[in-house]
Amino acid sequence: MPKMKSRRAAVKRFRLTGSGKVRRSKSFGSHILTKKSSKRKRKLRKNDLVAKADHKKVKGMI
């Protein structure tokens, strides 16, 4: 049987950490930044982990 293809959109958005968790970037940080506070914009730069409820779904897409 041939290999399963990964969903290319998911591969661009998610990365696996060394321990097997799924890392994602935060949303709302790309435009209309004038009304957002510096603190909020700084926090949006950081990466976050995918919620446990979505782990299985995201790993299947990667």
Protein backbone atom coordinates (compact mmCIF):
# COMPACT_ATOMS: atom_id res chain seq x y z
CA MET A 1 0.00 0.00 0.00
CA PRO A 2 1.34 3.50 -0.74
CA LYS A 3 2.22 5.97 1.97
CA MET A 4 -0.46 8.34 3.24
CA LYS A 5 -0.06 11.93 2.06
CA SER A 6 0.11 14.62 4.69
CA ARG A 7 -2.17 17.64 4.51
CA ARG A 8 0.13 20.35 3.23
CA ALA A 9 -1.76 23.17 4.99
CA ALA A 10 -1.35 21.38 8.34
CA VAL A 11 2.37 20.73 7.77
CA LYS A 12 2.91 24.47 7.26
CA ARG A 13 1.04 25.37 10.47
CA PHE A 14 2.11 22.70 12.97
CA ARG A 15 5.42 21.21 14.15
CA LEU A 16 6.12 18.33 16.50
CA THR A 17 8.25 18.93 19.58
CA GLY A 18 10.88 16.47 20.76
CA SER A 19 8.49 14.95 23.30
CA GLY A 20 5.77 14.47 20.66
CA LYS A 21 3.56 17.44 21.50
CA VAL A 22 2.23 19.61 18.69
CA ARG A 23 3.38 23.23 18.47
CA ARG A 24 1.41 26.01 16.78
CA SER A 25 1.71 29.75 16.32
CA LYS A 26 -0.87 32.09 17.82
CA SER A 27 -3.53 33.80 15.74
CA PHE A 28 -4.45 37.49 15.39
CA GLY A 29 -0.84 38.67 15.10
CA SER A 30 -0.52 39.53 11.42
CA HIS A 31 -2.49 42.72 10.73
CA ILE A 32 -4.54 45.53 12.37
CA LEU A 33 -1.80 45.79 14.98
CA THR A 34 -2.28 49.49 15.79
CA LYS A 35 -5.17 48.90 18.19
CA LYS A 36 -3.43 46.02 19.98
CA SER A 37 -1.26 46.79 23.01
CA SER A 38 2.48 46.14 22.98
CA LYS A 39 2.04 43.50 25.67
CA ARG A 40 -0.56 41.67 23.59
CA LYS A 41 1.57 41.79 20.42
CA ARG A 42 4.60 40.52 22.34
CA LYS A 43 2.61 37.56 23.65
CA LEU A 44 1.33 36.76 20.15
CA ARG A 45 4.92 36.27 18.92
CA LYS A 46 5.39 33.24 21.16
CA ASN A 47 4.45 29.72 20.06
CA ASP A 48 1.83 27.69 21.89
CA LEU A 49 0.86 24.02 22.15
CA VAL A 50 -2.20 22.49 20.53
CA ALA A 51 -4.95 21.55 23.03
CA LYS A 52 -5.01 17.91 24.11
CA ALA A 53 -8.49 17.47 22.63
CA ASP A 54 -7.15 18.27 19.14
CA HIS A 55 -3.87 16.29 19.37
CA LYS A 56 -5.08 13.16 17.59
CA LYS A 57 -6.76 15.11 14.81
CA VAL A 58 -3.71 17.32 14.12
CA LYS A 59 -1.21 14.45 14.27
CA GLY A 60 -3.29 12.59 11.70
CA MET A 61 -3.12 15.55 9.36
CA ILE A 62 0.65 15.97 9.63
